[in-house]
Amino acid sequence: LNGRAVTHATPTQMKQAGLGYTPENRKEVGLVQVLSTHDNLCMASLARIAPFGVITRSREQRAVDRQISDLAIKVSEPMLPVSSLSGGNQQKVVIGNWLNTEPKVMFFDEPSRGVDVQAKRQIFDIIWDQAERGLAAIFVSTELEEVLEVADRILVMRQGRIVAEVDPTTTTLAELYRLCMEGPTQ
């Protein structure tokens, strides 16, 4: 990133380099279910909220309020456990938590898994909106229909290597499946 390798980096080093990550399994990895929505929206950005190790409550509240508003998170009371939210709203909390770190690059790993159709559309809108604002969004999905819908460039990987690069506006779903299974034709 910016000419520096970030391989084998710790999560803290990745965050400091400007990388954000929304994990595939939000309930086990992306959220602390017993903590509040408020706390879950602040976890990744504690260094920004607590300069010199002292939490600035007003800064913390602004970060929470901004994400609840910007991402349209439906929450009656931010101090209630995040587990009380729907799957789609929990996923938006995961995304908002990382957006509070102001990343340059964000990995969205299966961001629509386990959410309803309306929440899926909202999550895609969030990704597009962030990309328009300059965020480099890396969208990972096993749902190839979603990849064609969301991506403006598709890299097909197999065994850790890029085997094809395609334009989603000119690629069919059948061609994308073929590339994933067989690789490019010689």
N, C-alpha and C. Protein backbone atom coordinates (compact mmCIF):
# COMPACT_ATOMS: atom_id res chain seq x y z
N LEU A 1 0.86 -1.17 0.00
CA LEU A 1 0.00 0.00 0.00
C LEU A 1 0.90 1.23 0.00
N ASN A 2 0.69 2.09 -0.97
CA ASN A 2 1.55 3.28 -1.12
C ASN A 2 3.03 2.90 -1.18
N GLY A 3 3.33 1.82 -1.89
CA GLY A 3 4.71 1.39 -2.07
C GLY A 3 5.28 0.55 -0.95
N ARG A 4 4.48 0.25 0.06
CA ARG A 4 4.96 -0.56 1.19
C ARG A 4 4.22 -1.89 1.22
N ALA A 5 4.98 -2.95 1.44
CA ALA A 5 4.37 -4.28 1.57
C ALA A 5 3.64 -4.37 2.90
N VAL A 6 2.46 -4.98 2.89
CA VAL A 6 1.72 -5.17 4.13
C VAL A 6 1.44 -6.65 4.37
N THR A 7 2.24 -7.50 3.75
CA THR A 7 2.08 -8.93 3.98
C THR A 7 2.61 -9.28 5.36
N HIS A 8 2.03 -10.27 5.97
CA HIS A 8 2.43 -10.76 7.29
C HIS A 8 2.36 -9.66 8.35
N ALA A 9 1.49 -8.70 8.15
CA ALA A 9 1.34 -7.61 9.10
C ALA A 9 0.33 -8.00 10.17
N THR A 10 0.49 -7.43 11.34
CA THR A 10 -0.48 -7.64 12.41
C THR A 10 -1.72 -6.80 12.10
N PRO A 11 -2.85 -7.10 12.74
CA PRO A 11 -4.03 -6.26 12.53
C PRO A 11 -3.77 -4.78 12.84
N THR A 12 -3.00 -4.50 13.87
CA THR A 12 -2.69 -3.11 14.21
C THR A 12 -1.87 -2.46 13.10
N GLN A 13 -0.88 -3.18 12.57
CA GLN A 13 -0.07 -2.64 11.48
C GLN A 13 -0.91 -2.41 10.23
N MET A 14 -1.83 -3.34 9.96
CA MET A 14 -2.70 -3.18 8.79
C MET A 14 -3.59 -1.95 8.95
N LYS A 15 -4.13 -1.77 10.13
CA LYS A 15 -4.98 -0.60 10.40
C LYS A 15 -4.17 0.68 10.25
N GLN A 16 -2.95 0.69 10.78
CA GLN A 16 -2.09 1.87 10.67
C GLN A 16 -1.72 2.17 9.22
N ALA A 17 -1.67 1.13 8.39
CA ALA A 17 -1.36 1.30 6.97
C ALA A 17 -2.57 1.80 6.18
N GLY A 18 -3.74 1.82 6.82
CA GLY A 18 -4.93 2.31 6.14
C GLY A 18 -5.82 1.22 5.57
N LEU A 19 -5.71 0.01 6.12
CA LEU A 19 -6.54 -1.09 5.66
C LEU A 19 -7.67 -1.36 6.65
N GLY A 20 -8.85 -1.61 6.12
CA GLY A 20 -10.00 -2.00 6.93
C GLY A 20 -10.49 -3.35 6.46
N TYR A 21 -11.16 -4.09 7.33
CA TYR A 21 -11.57 -5.45 6.99
C TYR A 21 -12.91 -5.79 7.63
N THR A 22 -13.89 -6.10 6.82
CA THR A 22 -15.16 -6.59 7.35
C THR A 22 -15.17 -8.10 7.12
N PRO A 23 -15.10 -8.87 8.18
CA PRO A 23 -14.95 -10.33 8.05
C PRO A 23 -16.21 -11.02 7.58
N GLU A 24 -16.00 -12.21 7.03
CA GLU A 24 -17.09 -13.03 6.54
C GLU A 24 -18.07 -13.38 7.66
N ASN A 25 -17.56 -13.72 8.82
CA ASN A 25 -18.42 -14.15 9.92
C ASN A 25 -18.53 -13.03 10.96
N ARG A 26 -19.51 -12.16 10.76
CA ARG A 26 -19.64 -10.99 11.62
C ARG A 26 -19.91 -11.35 13.07
N LYS A 27 -20.69 -12.42 13.31
CA LYS A 27 -21.08 -12.75 14.68
C LYS A 27 -19.92 -13.26 15.52
N GLU A 28 -19.00 -13.98 14.91
CA GLU A 28 -17.88 -14.55 15.67
C GLU A 28 -16.62 -13.71 15.60
N VAL A 29 -16.44 -12.96 14.51
CA VAL A 29 -15.19 -12.23 14.32
C VAL A 29 -15.39 -10.72 14.24
N GLY A 30 -16.49 -10.28 13.68
CA GLY A 30 -16.68 -8.85 13.42
C GLY A 30 -17.29 -8.06 14.55
N LEU A 31 -17.99 -8.73 15.46
CA LEU A 31 -18.69 -8.04 16.53
C LEU A 31 -18.42 -8.71 17.87
N VAL A 32 -18.58 -7.96 18.93
CA VAL A 32 -18.62 -8.54 20.27
C VAL A 32 -20.09 -8.46 20.67
N GLN A 33 -20.78 -9.60 20.55
CA GLN A 33 -22.23 -9.65 20.68
C GLN A 33 -22.76 -9.11 22.01
N VAL A 34 -22.02 -9.27 23.08
CA VAL A 34 -22.52 -8.81 24.39
C VAL A 34 -22.31 -7.32 24.62
N LEU A 35 -21.52 -6.68 23.77
CA LEU A 35 -21.30 -5.24 23.89
C LEU A 35 -22.37 -4.48 23.12
N SER A 36 -22.48 -3.22 23.40
CA SER A 36 -23.49 -2.38 22.76
C SER A 36 -23.13 -2.07 21.31
N THR A 37 -24.15 -1.61 20.59
CA THR A 37 -23.92 -1.11 19.23
C THR A 37 -22.91 0.03 19.29
N HIS A 38 -23.07 0.91 20.25
CA HIS A 38 -22.16 2.04 20.46
C HIS A 38 -20.72 1.55 20.57
N ASP A 39 -20.47 0.60 21.46
CA ASP A 39 -19.10 0.10 21.66
C ASP A 39 -18.56 -0.59 20.42
N ASN A 40 -19.41 -1.36 19.74
CA ASN A 40 -18.97 -2.06 18.53
C ASN A 40 -18.63 -1.09 17.40
N LEU A 41 -19.25 0.08 17.39
CA LEU A 41 -18.93 1.08 16.36
C LEU A 41 -17.61 1.79 16.64
N CYS A 42 -17.06 1.64 17.83
CA CYS A 42 -15.84 2.36 18.22
C CYS A 42 -14.61 1.48 18.35
N MET A 43 -14.78 0.17 18.35
CA MET A 43 -13.65 -0.72 18.70
C MET A 43 -12.42 -0.51 17.83
N ALA A 44 -12.58 -0.48 16.52
CA ALA A 44 -11.42 -0.39 15.64
C ALA A 44 -10.77 0.99 15.66
N SER A 45 -11.51 2.00 16.08
CA SER A 45 -11.00 3.37 16.02
C SER A 45 -10.62 3.94 17.39
N LEU A 46 -10.38 3.09 18.36
CA LEU A 46 -10.05 3.59 19.70
C LEU A 46 -8.83 4.50 19.71
N ALA A 47 -7.85 4.21 18.87
CA ALA A 47 -6.65 5.06 18.84
C ALA A 47 -6.99 6.48 18.40
N ARG A 48 -7.98 6.63 17.51
CA ARG A 48 -8.40 7.96 17.06
C ARG A 48 -9.27 8.64 18.12
N ILE A 49 -10.12 7.84 18.76
CA ILE A 49 -11.06 8.37 19.75
C ILE A 49 -10.35 8.68 21.07
N ALA A 50 -9.31 7.92 21.35
CA ALA A 50 -8.61 8.05 22.63
C ALA A 50 -7.14 8.44 22.41
N PRO A 51 -6.90 9.64 21.90
CA PRO A 51 -5.50 10.03 21.76
C PRO A 51 -4.83 10.10 23.13
N PHE A 52 -3.64 9.63 23.19
CA PHE A 52 -2.87 9.60 24.44
C PHE A 52 -3.52 8.71 25.49
N GLY A 53 -4.36 7.76 25.05
CA GLY A 53 -4.96 6.80 25.96
C GLY A 53 -6.16 7.29 26.74
N VAL A 54 -6.63 8.48 26.44
CA VAL A 54 -7.79 9.05 27.14
C VAL A 54 -8.94 9.16 26.15
N ILE A 55 -10.04 8.46 26.44
CA ILE A 55 -11.19 8.49 25.55
C ILE A 55 -11.85 9.86 25.61
N THR A 56 -12.01 10.45 24.44
CA THR A 56 -12.72 11.71 24.32
C THR A 56 -14.17 11.37 23.99
N ARG A 57 -15.04 11.45 25.00
CA ARG A 57 -16.44 11.02 24.85
C ARG A 57 -17.16 11.76 23.73
N SER A 58 -16.91 13.04 23.57
CA SER A 58 -17.60 13.78 22.51
C SER A 58 -17.16 13.29 21.13
N ARG A 59 -15.88 13.00 20.97
CA ARG A 59 -15.37 12.46 19.71
C ARG A 59 -15.96 11.07 19.46
N GLU A 60 -16.02 10.28 20.50
CA GLU A 60 -16.59 8.94 20.42
C GLU A 60 -18.06 9.01 19.99
N GLN A 61 -18.82 9.88 20.63
CA GLN A 61 -20.25 10.00 20.31
C GLN A 61 -20.47 10.50 18.89
N ARG A 62 -19.64 11.44 18.44
CA ARG A 62 -19.76 11.93 17.05
C ARG A 62 -19.51 10.81 16.06
N ALA A 63 -18.51 9.97 16.33
CA ALA A 63 -18.20 8.85 15.43
C ALA A 63 -19.37 7.87 15.37
N VAL A 64 -19.96 7.57 16.51
CA VAL A 64 -21.10 6.65 16.57
C VAL A 64 -22.29 7.26 15.84
N ASP A 65 -22.62 8.50 16.16
CA ASP A 65 -23.77 9.16 15.54
C ASP A 65 -23.61 9.25 14.02
N ARG A 66 -22.39 9.56 13.57
CA ARG A 66 -22.14 9.68 12.13
C ARG A 66 -22.42 8.36 11.42
N GLN A 67 -21.92 7.25 11.96
CA GLN A 67 -22.13 5.97 11.29
C GLN A 67 -23.58 5.53 11.36
N ILE A 68 -24.25 5.73 12.48
CA ILE A 68 -25.67 5.37 12.57
C ILE A 68 -26.46 6.14 11.52
N SER A 69 -26.15 7.41 11.35
CA SER A 69 -26.85 8.24 10.37
C SER A 69 -26.45 7.89 8.94
N ASP A 70 -25.14 7.90 8.65
CA ASP A 70 -24.66 7.68 7.28
C ASP A 70 -25.03 6.30 6.75
N LEU A 71 -24.99 5.28 7.61
CA LEU A 71 -25.25 3.92 7.16
C LEU A 71 -26.70 3.49 7.40
N ALA A 72 -27.51 4.39 7.91
CA ALA A 72 -28.93 4.10 8.19
C ALA A 72 -29.08 2.84 9.05
N ILE A 73 -28.30 2.79 10.13
CA ILE A 73 -28.39 1.67 11.07
C ILE A 73 -29.65 1.86 11.91
N LYS A 74 -30.53 0.88 11.85
CA LYS A 74 -31.78 0.96 12.61
C LYS A 74 -31.54 0.40 14.01
N VAL A 75 -31.43 1.32 14.97
CA VAL A 75 -31.17 0.95 16.35
C VAL A 75 -31.98 1.88 17.24
N SER A 76 -32.78 1.30 18.13
CA SER A 76 -33.61 2.13 19.01
C SER A 76 -32.78 2.79 20.10
N GLU A 77 -31.77 2.08 20.57
CA GLU A 77 -30.93 2.58 21.65
C GLU A 77 -29.51 2.05 21.45
N PRO A 78 -28.55 2.90 21.07
CA PRO A 78 -27.19 2.44 20.80
C PRO A 78 -26.49 1.74 21.96
N MET A 79 -26.99 1.91 23.19
CA MET A 79 -26.35 1.26 24.33
C MET A 79 -26.86 -0.16 24.56
N LEU A 80 -27.85 -0.61 23.78
CA LEU A 80 -28.31 -2.00 23.88
C LEU A 80 -27.32 -2.92 23.18
N PRO A 81 -27.28 -4.20 23.56
CA PRO A 81 -26.34 -5.13 22.91
C PRO A 81 -26.55 -5.18 21.39
N VAL A 82 -25.47 -5.24 20.66
CA VAL A 82 -25.53 -5.30 19.20
C VAL A 82 -26.28 -6.56 18.75
N SER A 83 -26.31 -7.58 19.59
CA SER A 83 -27.02 -8.82 19.26
C SER A 83 -28.52 -8.60 19.09
N SER A 84 -29.05 -7.47 19.57
CA SER A 84 -30.48 -7.18 19.43
C SER A 84 -30.84 -6.67 18.04
N LEU A 85 -29.85 -6.38 17.22
CA LEU A 85 -30.09 -5.86 15.88
C LEU A 85 -30.30 -6.99 14.88
N SER A 86 -30.94 -6.65 13.76
CA SER A 86 -31.09 -7.60 12.65
C SER A 86 -29.71 -7.88 12.04
N GLY A 87 -29.62 -8.94 11.25
CA GLY A 87 -28.36 -9.28 10.60
C GLY A 87 -27.83 -8.17 9.72
N GLY A 88 -28.72 -7.52 8.97
CA GLY A 88 -28.29 -6.43 8.10
C GLY A 88 -27.76 -5.25 8.88
N ASN A 89 -28.41 -4.91 9.98
CA ASN A 89 -27.93 -3.80 10.80
C ASN A 89 -26.65 -4.16 11.53
N GLN A 90 -26.51 -5.42 11.94
CA GLN A 90 -25.24 -5.85 12.53
C GLN A 90 -24.11 -5.69 11.51
N GLN A 91 -24.37 -6.07 10.26
CA GLN A 91 -23.34 -5.96 9.23
C GLN A 91 -22.97 -4.49 9.01
N LYS A 92 -23.95 -3.60 9.05
CA LYS A 92 -23.66 -2.17 8.90
C LYS A 92 -22.82 -1.67 10.08
N VAL A 93 -23.03 -2.22 11.27
CA VAL A 93 -22.21 -1.85 12.43
C VAL A 93 -20.76 -2.28 12.18
N VAL A 94 -20.56 -3.49 11.65
CA VAL A 94 -19.19 -3.95 11.34
C VAL A 94 -18.54 -2.99 10.35
N ILE A 95 -19.27 -2.63 9.30
CA ILE A 95 -18.74 -1.71 8.29
C ILE A 95 -18.45 -0.35 8.93
N GLY A 96 -19.40 0.17 9.70
CA GLY A 96 -19.21 1.47 10.34
C GLY A 96 -18.04 1.50 11.30
N ASN A 97 -17.83 0.41 12.02
CA ASN A 97 -16.70 0.30 12.93
C ASN A 97 -15.40 0.55 12.16
N TRP A 98 -15.26 -0.09 11.00
CA TRP A 98 -14.03 0.07 10.22
C TRP A 98 -13.98 1.40 9.49
N LEU A 99 -15.12 1.92 9.04
CA LEU A 99 -15.11 3.23 8.39
C LEU A 99 -14.67 4.32 9.37
N ASN A 100 -14.92 4.13 10.64
CA ASN A 100 -14.45 5.10 11.64
C ASN A 100 -12.93 5.18 11.72
N THR A 101 -12.22 4.19 11.19
CA THR A 101 -10.76 4.25 11.16
C THR A 101 -10.25 5.06 9.97
N GLU A 102 -11.16 5.46 9.09
CA GLU A 102 -10.83 6.19 7.86
C GLU A 102 -9.81 5.44 7.02
N PRO A 103 -10.15 4.22 6.62
CA PRO A 103 -9.21 3.42 5.83
C PRO A 103 -9.06 3.96 4.40
N LYS A 104 -7.95 3.60 3.78
CA LYS A 104 -7.75 3.90 2.36
C LYS A 104 -8.27 2.75 1.51
N VAL A 105 -8.15 1.54 2.06
CA VAL A 105 -8.59 0.31 1.38
C VAL A 105 -9.44 -0.48 2.35
N MET A 106 -10.57 -0.99 1.88
CA MET A 106 -11.44 -1.79 2.74
C MET A 106 -11.74 -3.11 2.03
N PHE A 107 -11.50 -4.20 2.76
CA PHE A 107 -11.86 -5.53 2.29
C PHE A 107 -13.26 -5.84 2.80
N PHE A 108 -14.16 -6.13 1.88
CA PHE A 108 -15.52 -6.54 2.22
C PHE A 108 -15.61 -8.03 1.91
N ASP A 109 -15.48 -8.87 2.91
CA ASP A 109 -15.47 -10.32 2.74
C ASP A 109 -16.88 -10.87 2.97
N GLU A 110 -17.55 -11.26 1.89
CA GLU A 110 -18.92 -11.80 1.94
C GLU A 110 -19.84 -10.87 2.75
N PRO A 111 -19.90 -9.58 2.39
CA PRO A 111 -20.65 -8.63 3.21
C PRO A 111 -22.16 -8.84 3.21
N SER A 112 -22.69 -9.59 2.25
CA SER A 112 -24.14 -9.77 2.20
C SER A 112 -24.59 -11.12 2.76
N ARG A 113 -23.67 -11.88 3.29
CA ARG A 113 -24.03 -13.20 3.84
C ARG A 113 -24.94 -13.03 5.05
N GLY A 114 -26.07 -13.73 5.01
CA GLY A 114 -26.98 -13.76 6.15
C GLY A 114 -27.80 -12.51 6.35
N VAL A 115 -27.98 -11.72 5.31
CA VAL A 115 -28.82 -10.53 5.42
C VAL A 115 -29.95 -10.61 4.40
N ASP A 116 -31.03 -9.88 4.65
CA ASP A 116 -32.16 -9.92 3.72
C ASP A 116 -31.87 -9.08 2.48
N VAL A 117 -32.77 -9.18 1.50
CA VAL A 117 -32.56 -8.53 0.21
C VAL A 117 -32.44 -7.01 0.35
N GLN A 118 -33.26 -6.41 1.19
CA GLN A 118 -33.20 -4.96 1.38
C GLN A 118 -31.87 -4.55 2.01
N ALA A 119 -31.43 -5.28 3.02
CA ALA A 119 -30.15 -4.96 3.66
C ALA A 119 -28.99 -5.16 2.69
N LYS A 120 -29.09 -6.20 1.86
CA LYS A 120 -28.05 -6.45 0.86
C LYS A 120 -27.92 -5.23 -0.06
N ARG A 121 -29.03 -4.71 -0.53
CA ARG A 121 -29.02 -3.53 -1.41
C ARG A 121 -28.40 -2.35 -0.67
N GLN A 122 -28.76 -2.16 0.59
CA GLN A 122 -28.20 -1.05 1.38
C GLN A 122 -26.69 -1.20 1.54
N ILE A 123 -26.23 -2.41 1.77
CA ILE A 123 -24.79 -2.66 1.93
C ILE A 123 -24.06 -2.37 0.62
N PHE A 124 -24.63 -2.80 -0.50
CA PHE A 124 -24.01 -2.50 -1.80
C PHE A 124 -23.98 -0.98 -2.03
N ASP A 125 -25.05 -0.29 -1.66
CA ASP A 125 -25.07 1.17 -1.79
C ASP A 125 -23.97 1.81 -0.95
N ILE A 126 -23.75 1.29 0.25
CA ILE A 126 -22.68 1.80 1.12
C ILE A 126 -21.32 1.62 0.43
N ILE A 127 -21.10 0.43 -0.13
CA ILE A 127 -19.83 0.16 -0.81
C ILE A 127 -19.64 1.12 -1.98
N TRP A 128 -20.67 1.28 -2.81
CA TRP A 128 -20.56 2.20 -3.96
C TRP A 128 -20.32 3.63 -3.50
N ASP A 129 -21.04 4.06 -2.47
CA ASP A 129 -20.88 5.41 -1.95
C ASP A 129 -19.46 5.64 -1.44
N GLN A 130 -18.93 4.68 -0.71
CA GLN A 130 -17.57 4.82 -0.19
C GLN A 130 -16.54 4.83 -1.33
N ALA A 131 -16.77 4.02 -2.36
CA ALA A 131 -15.87 4.01 -3.51
C ALA A 131 -15.90 5.37 -4.22
N GLU A 132 -17.08 5.96 -4.35
CA GLU A 132 -17.18 7.29 -4.96
C GLU A 132 -16.45 8.34 -4.14
N ARG A 133 -16.34 8.13 -2.85
CA ARG A 133 -15.63 9.06 -1.96
C ARG A 133 -14.12 8.81 -1.94
N GLY A 134 -13.67 7.81 -2.70
CA GLY A 134 -12.24 7.57 -2.82
C GLY A 134 -11.72 6.33 -2.11
N LEU A 135 -12.58 5.60 -1.42
CA LEU A 135 -12.15 4.37 -0.76
C LEU A 135 -11.93 3.28 -1.80
N ALA A 136 -10.80 2.61 -1.74
CA ALA A 136 -10.58 1.45 -2.59
C ALA A 136 -11.28 0.27 -1.92
N ALA A 137 -12.31 -0.25 -2.56
CA ALA A 137 -13.11 -1.32 -2.00
C ALA A 137 -12.78 -2.63 -2.69
N ILE A 138 -12.39 -3.62 -1.90
CA ILE A 138 -12.14 -4.96 -2.42
C ILE A 138 -13.29 -5.83 -1.94
N PHE A 139 -14.08 -6.28 -2.90
CA PHE A 139 -15.31 -7.01 -2.62
C PHE A 139 -15.07 -8.49 -2.90
N VAL A 140 -15.22 -9.33 -1.88
CA VAL A 140 -15.02 -10.77 -2.02
C VAL A 140 -16.36 -11.45 -1.82
N SER A 141 -16.76 -12.28 -2.79
CA SER A 141 -18.02 -12.99 -2.66
C SER A 141 -17.99 -14.27 -3.47
N THR A 142 -18.62 -15.30 -2.91
CA THR A 142 -18.80 -16.54 -3.65
C THR A 142 -20.07 -16.48 -4.49
N GLU A 143 -20.86 -15.43 -4.30
CA GLU A 143 -22.07 -15.20 -5.10
C GLU A 143 -21.65 -14.39 -6.33
N LEU A 144 -21.40 -15.08 -7.43
CA LEU A 144 -20.84 -14.40 -8.60
C LEU A 144 -21.80 -13.37 -9.19
N GLU A 145 -23.11 -13.58 -9.02
CA GLU A 145 -24.07 -12.57 -9.47
C GLU A 145 -23.80 -11.24 -8.77
N GLU A 146 -23.49 -11.31 -7.48
CA GLU A 146 -23.17 -10.10 -6.72
C GLU A 146 -21.90 -9.44 -7.23
N VAL A 147 -20.91 -10.25 -7.53
CA VAL A 147 -19.64 -9.71 -8.03
C VAL A 147 -19.88 -8.92 -9.31
N LEU A 148 -20.68 -9.49 -10.23
CA LEU A 148 -20.99 -8.79 -11.47
C LEU A 148 -21.74 -7.49 -11.21
N GLU A 149 -22.57 -7.48 -10.20
CA GLU A 149 -23.37 -6.29 -9.89
C GLU A 149 -22.56 -5.20 -9.20
N VAL A 150 -21.68 -5.58 -8.30
CA VAL A 150 -20.99 -4.61 -7.45
C VAL A 150 -19.69 -4.10 -8.05
N ALA A 151 -18.93 -4.98 -8.66
CA ALA A 151 -17.55 -4.65 -9.06
C ALA A 151 -17.48 -3.81 -10.34
N ASP A 152 -16.45 -2.98 -10.41
CA ASP A 152 -16.15 -2.31 -11.68
C ASP A 152 -14.93 -2.96 -12.35
N ARG A 153 -14.34 -3.92 -11.65
CA ARG A 153 -13.22 -4.71 -12.18
C ARG A 153 -13.21 -6.01 -11.39
N ILE A 154 -13.04 -7.13 -12.09
CA ILE A 154 -13.06 -8.43 -11.42
C ILE A 154 -11.73 -9.14 -11.64
N LEU A 155 -11.13 -9.57 -10.53
CA LEU A 155 -9.94 -10.41 -10.59
C LEU A 155 -10.35 -11.80 -10.11
N VAL A 156 -10.13 -12.79 -10.95
CA VAL A 156 -10.46 -14.17 -10.60
C VAL A 156 -9.20 -14.81 -10.05
N MET A 157 -9.32 -15.38 -8.84
CA MET A 157 -8.17 -16.00 -8.20
C MET A 157 -8.41 -17.49 -8.00
N ARG A 158 -7.35 -18.23 -8.13
CA ARG A 158 -7.39 -19.66 -7.83
C ARG A 158 -6.04 -20.04 -7.25
N GLN A 159 -6.06 -20.76 -6.14
CA GLN A 159 -4.84 -21.21 -5.46
C GLN A 159 -3.89 -20.04 -5.18
N GLY A 160 -4.47 -18.91 -4.75
CA GLY A 160 -3.66 -17.77 -4.36
C GLY A 160 -3.09 -16.94 -5.49
N ARG A 161 -3.48 -17.22 -6.71
CA ARG A 161 -2.96 -16.48 -7.86
C ARG A 161 -4.10 -15.91 -8.69
N ILE A 162 -3.84 -14.74 -9.27
CA ILE A 162 -4.82 -14.15 -10.19
C ILE A 162 -4.71 -14.89 -11.51
N VAL A 163 -5.83 -15.46 -11.95
CA VAL A 163 -5.84 -16.21 -13.21
C VAL A 163 -6.55 -15.46 -14.33
N ALA A 164 -7.31 -14.42 -13.98
CA ALA A 164 -7.99 -13.64 -15.01
C ALA A 164 -8.42 -12.30 -14.45
N GLU A 165 -8.47 -11.31 -15.33
CA GLU A 165 -9.04 -10.01 -15.01
C GLU A 165 -10.10 -9.72 -16.06
N VAL A 166 -11.31 -9.40 -15.61
CA VAL A 166 -12.40 -9.18 -16.56
C VAL A 166 -13.18 -7.91 -16.21
N ASP A 167 -13.85 -7.40 -17.21
CA ASP A 167 -14.72 -6.23 -17.07
C ASP A 167 -16.14 -6.74 -16.84
N PRO A 168 -16.76 -6.40 -15.71
CA PRO A 168 -18.10 -6.93 -15.43
C PRO A 168 -19.17 -6.45 -16.42
N THR A 169 -18.91 -5.36 -17.12
CA THR A 169 -19.90 -4.87 -18.08
C THR A 169 -19.90 -5.67 -19.37
N THR A 170 -18.84 -6.45 -19.61
CA THR A 170 -18.77 -7.23 -20.85
C THR A 170 -18.66 -8.73 -20.60
N THR A 171 -18.75 -9.16 -19.36
CA THR A 171 -18.61 -10.57 -19.00
C THR A 171 -19.96 -11.13 -18.58
N THR A 172 -20.24 -12.34 -19.04
CA THR A 172 -21.49 -12.99 -18.64
C THR A 172 -21.25 -13.80 -17.37
N LEU A 173 -22.34 -14.14 -16.71
CA LEU A 173 -22.25 -14.98 -15.52
C LEU A 173 -21.65 -16.33 -15.87
N ALA A 174 -22.05 -16.89 -17.00
CA ALA A 174 -21.52 -18.19 -17.43
C ALA A 174 -20.01 -18.11 -17.65
N GLU A 175 -19.54 -17.03 -18.27
CA GLU A 175 -18.10 -16.86 -18.50
C GLU A 175 -17.35 -16.72 -17.18
N LEU A 176 -17.94 -16.00 -16.24
CA LEU A 176 -17.29 -15.83 -14.94
C LEU A 176 -17.20 -17.16 -14.20
N TYR A 177 -18.27 -17.95 -14.24
CA TYR A 177 -18.22 -19.29 -13.64
C TYR A 177 -17.14 -20.14 -14.29
N ARG A 178 -17.05 -20.08 -15.62
CA ARG A 178 -16.05 -20.87 -16.34
C ARG A 178 -14.64 -20.46 -15.91
N LEU A 179 -14.40 -19.16 -15.82
CA LEU A 179 -13.08 -18.68 -15.41
C LEU A 179 -12.73 -19.15 -13.99
N CYS A 180 -13.73 -19.17 -13.13
CA CYS A 180 -13.49 -19.61 -11.75
C CYS A 180 -13.17 -21.10 -11.69
N MET A 181 -13.79 -21.87 -12.53
CA MET A 181 -13.62 -23.32 -12.48
C MET A 181 -12.43 -23.81 -13.32
N GLU A 182 -12.23 -23.20 -14.48
CA GLU A 182 -11.24 -23.71 -15.42
C GLU A 182 -10.06 -22.78 -15.65
N GLY A 183 -10.26 -21.50 -15.48
CA GLY A 183 -9.23 -20.54 -15.80
C GLY A 183 -9.40 -20.04 -17.22
N PRO A 184 -8.56 -19.11 -17.66
CA PRO A 184 -8.69 -18.55 -19.00
C PRO A 184 -8.32 -19.58 -20.06
N THR A 185 -8.93 -19.43 -21.24
CA THR A 185 -8.58 -20.30 -22.36
C THR A 185 -7.25 -19.83 -22.92
N GLN A 186 -6.48 -20.75 -23.38
CA GLN A 186 -5.15 -20.42 -23.90
C GLN A 186 -5.19 -19.96 -25.32
